[in-house]
Amino acid sequence: MTKFLQSGRRRDMCAILAGEALQAQALKSRLSSHYDERIEPASFYGALEALADAGFVEARTEGIHDVYELTEAGEARLREHHAWLTAQLGEE
């Protein structure tokens, strides 16, 4: 697993984006709701930028907004992590 998915926050962001493409603010809101705490914008956008730089998420423009979606590489890493978790839980 690459270092970009060693971060729980980055994995969780990928998990949320696996369901649908979202604007950054909507992604941040869902993540904050999941954690039940406020996420500092600099920390959030740094994680999002790192995921994009690693090729796990990509932005596309819809109207005047950027929308982020999981790439094939991001989905593959997320599935690898899911398989690892399943094995750790003895649910193979």
C-alpha atoms as a PDB file:
ATOM      1  CA  MET A   1       0.000   0.000   0.000  1.00  0.00           C
ATOM      2  CA  THR A   2       1.354   3.394  -0.815  1.00  0.00           C
ATOM      3  CA  LYS A   3       1.962   5.950   1.871  1.00  0.00           C
ATOM      4  CA  PHE A   4      -0.967   8.042   0.659  1.00  0.00           C
ATOM      5  CA  LEU A   5      -3.462   5.478   1.946  1.00  0.00           C
ATOM      6  CA  GLN A   6      -1.677   4.874   5.254  1.00  0.00           C
ATOM      7  CA  SER A   7      -3.658   7.853   6.485  1.00  0.00           C
ATOM      8  CA  GLY A   8      -7.083   6.950   7.836  1.00  0.00           C
ATOM      9  CA  ARG A   9      -8.459  10.299   6.722  1.00  0.00           C
ATOM     10  CA  ARG A  10      -7.335   9.717   3.146  1.00  0.00           C
ATOM     11  CA  ARG A  11      -8.781   6.197   3.150  1.00  0.00           C
ATOM     12  CA  ASP A  12     -12.074   7.554   4.485  1.00  0.00           C
ATOM     13  CA  MET A  13     -12.140  10.241   1.809  1.00  0.00           C
ATOM     14  CA  CYS A  14     -11.652   7.565  -0.848  1.00  0.00           C
ATOM     15  CA  ALA A  15     -14.403   5.464   0.726  1.00  0.00           C
ATOM     16  CA  ILE A  16     -16.844   8.370   0.563  1.00  0.00           C
ATOM     17  CA  LEU A  17     -15.894   9.087  -3.054  1.00  0.00           C
ATOM     18  CA  ALA A  18     -16.377   5.425  -3.967  1.00  0.00           C
ATOM     19  CA  GLY A  19     -20.108   6.034  -3.676  1.00  0.00           C
ATOM     20  CA  GLU A  20     -20.311   9.182  -5.783  1.00  0.00           C
ATOM     21  CA  ALA A  21     -18.406  12.162  -7.111  1.00  0.00           C
ATOM     22  CA  LEU A  22     -18.671  15.202  -4.831  1.00  0.00           C
ATOM     23  CA  GLN A  23     -17.652  18.821  -4.586  1.00  0.00           C
ATOM     24  CA  ALA A  24     -14.861  19.331  -2.051  1.00  0.00           C
ATOM     25  CA  GLN A  25     -17.152  21.054   0.454  1.00  0.00           C
ATOM     26  CA  ALA A  26     -19.688  18.202   0.332  1.00  0.00           C
ATOM     27  CA  LEU A  27     -16.875  15.680   0.829  1.00  0.00           C
ATOM     28  CA  LYS A  28     -15.545  17.691   3.776  1.00  0.00           C
ATOM     29  CA  SER A  29     -19.033  17.892   5.308  1.00  0.00           C
ATOM     30  CA  ARG A  30     -19.583  14.136   5.035  1.00  0.00           C
ATOM     31  CA  LEU A  31     -16.185  13.432   6.540  1.00  0.00           C
ATOM     32  CA  SER A  32     -16.836  15.858   9.399  1.00  0.00           C
ATOM     33  CA  SER A  33     -20.201  14.198  10.046  1.00  0.00           C
ATOM     34  CA  HIS A  34     -18.572  10.759  10.069  1.00  0.00           C
ATOM     35  CA  TYR A  35     -15.927  11.895  12.561  1.00  0.00           C
ATOM     36  CA  ASP A  36     -18.426  14.034  14.474  1.00  0.00           C
ATOM     37  CA  GLU A  37     -15.906  16.868  14.635  1.00  0.00           C
ATOM     38  CA  ARG A  38     -14.753  19.855  12.647  1.00  0.00           C
ATOM     39  CA  ILE A  39     -11.924  19.245  10.204  1.00  0.00           C
ATOM     40  CA  GLU A  40      -9.452  22.053   9.661  1.00  0.00           C
ATOM     41  CA  PRO A  41      -9.661  23.228   6.036  1.00  0.00           C
ATOM     42  CA  ALA A  42      -5.887  23.220   5.527  1.00  0.00           C
ATOM     43  CA  SER A  43      -5.652  19.634   6.717  1.00  0.00           C
ATOM     44  CA  PHE A  44      -8.590  18.525   4.561  1.00  0.00           C
ATOM     45  CA  TYR A  45      -7.407  20.241   1.398  1.00  0.00           C
ATOM     46  CA  GLY A  46      -3.860  18.991   1.977  1.00  0.00           C
ATOM     47  CA  ALA A  47      -5.158  15.412   2.129  1.00  0.00           C
ATOM     48  CA  LEU A  48      -7.310  15.959  -0.963  1.00  0.00           C
ATOM     49  CA  GLU A  49      -4.356  17.412  -2.854  1.00  0.00           C
ATOM     50  CA  ALA A  50      -2.136  14.490  -1.825  1.00  0.00           C
ATOM     51  CA  LEU A  51      -4.759  12.025  -3.078  1.00  0.00           C
ATOM     52  CA  ALA A  52      -4.990  13.888  -6.384  1.00  0.00           C
ATOM     53  CA  ASP A  53      -1.197  14.073  -6.726  1.00  0.00           C
ATOM     54  CA  ALA A  54      -0.984  10.314  -6.105  1.00  0.00           C
ATOM     55  CA  GLY A  55      -3.613   9.670  -8.774  1.00  0.00           C
ATOM     56  CA  PHE A  56      -6.253   8.266  -6.406  1.00  0.00           C
ATOM     57  CA  VAL A  57      -8.798  11.039  -6.992  1.00  0.00           C
ATOM     58  CA  GLU A  58      -9.297  13.442  -9.848  1.00  0.00           C
ATOM     59  CA  ALA A  59     -11.188  16.667 -10.269  1.00  0.00           C
ATOM     60  CA  ARG A  60     -13.442  17.537 -13.143  1.00  0.00           C
ATOM     61  CA  THR A  61     -15.347  20.748 -13.678  1.00  0.00           C
ATOM     62  CA  GLU A  62     -19.135  20.748 -13.530  1.00  0.00           C
ATOM     63  CA  GLY A  63     -20.464  24.211 -14.159  1.00  0.00           C
ATOM     64  CA  ILE A  64     -18.459  26.514 -11.922  1.00  0.00           C
ATOM     65  CA  HIS A  65     -17.441  23.838  -9.398  1.00  0.00           C
ATOM     66  CA  ASP A  66     -14.761  21.184  -9.282  1.00  0.00           C
ATOM     67  CA  VAL A  67     -16.116  17.748  -8.528  1.00  0.00           C
ATOM     68  CA  TYR A  68     -13.838  15.043  -7.152  1.00  0.00           C
ATOM     69  CA  GLU A  69     -14.129  11.374  -7.971  1.00  0.00           C
ATOM     70  CA  LEU A  70     -12.219   8.222  -7.193  1.00  0.00           C
ATOM     71  CA  THR A  71      -9.944   6.989  -9.983  1.00  0.00           C
ATOM     72  CA  GLU A  72      -9.435   3.359 -10.939  1.00  0.00           C
ATOM     73  CA  ALA A  73      -6.162   3.434  -8.996  1.00  0.00           C
ATOM     74  CA  GLY A  74      -7.961   4.826  -5.945  1.00  0.00           C
ATOM     75  CA  GLU A  75     -10.641   2.162  -6.166  1.00  0.00           C
ATOM     76  CA  ALA A  76      -8.011  -0.562  -6.493  1.00  0.00           C
ATOM     77  CA  ARG A  77      -6.196   0.660  -3.350  1.00  0.00           C
ATOM     78  CA  LEU A  78      -9.477   0.910  -1.460  1.00  0.00           C
ATOM     79  CA  ARG A  79     -10.430  -2.645  -2.494  1.00  0.00           C
ATOM     80  CA  GLU A  80      -6.978  -3.892  -1.402  1.00  0.00           C
ATOM     81  CA  HIS A  81      -7.523  -2.297   1.985  1.00  0.00           C
ATOM     82  CA  HIS A  82     -11.003  -3.802   2.225  1.00  0.00           C
ATOM     83  CA  ALA A  83      -9.606  -7.266   1.460  1.00  0.00           C
ATOM     84  CA  TRP A  84      -6.931  -6.788   4.127  1.00  0.00           C
ATOM     85  CA  LEU A  85      -9.522  -5.697   6.708  1.00  0.00           C
ATOM     86  CA  THR A  86     -11.735  -8.658   5.820  1.00  0.00           C
ATOM     87  CA  ALA A  87      -8.796 -11.031   6.316  1.00  0.00           C
ATOM     88  CA  GLN A  88      -7.885  -9.410   9.639  1.00  0.00           C
ATOM     89  CA  LEU A  89     -11.444  -9.869  10.853  1.00  0.00           C
ATOM     90  CA  GLY A  90     -11.424 -13.513   9.791  1.00  0.00           C
ATOM     91  CA  GLU A  91     -14.275 -12.997   7.372  1.00  0.00           C
ATOM     92  CA  GLU A  92     -12.651 -14.430   4.228  1.00  0.00           C
END
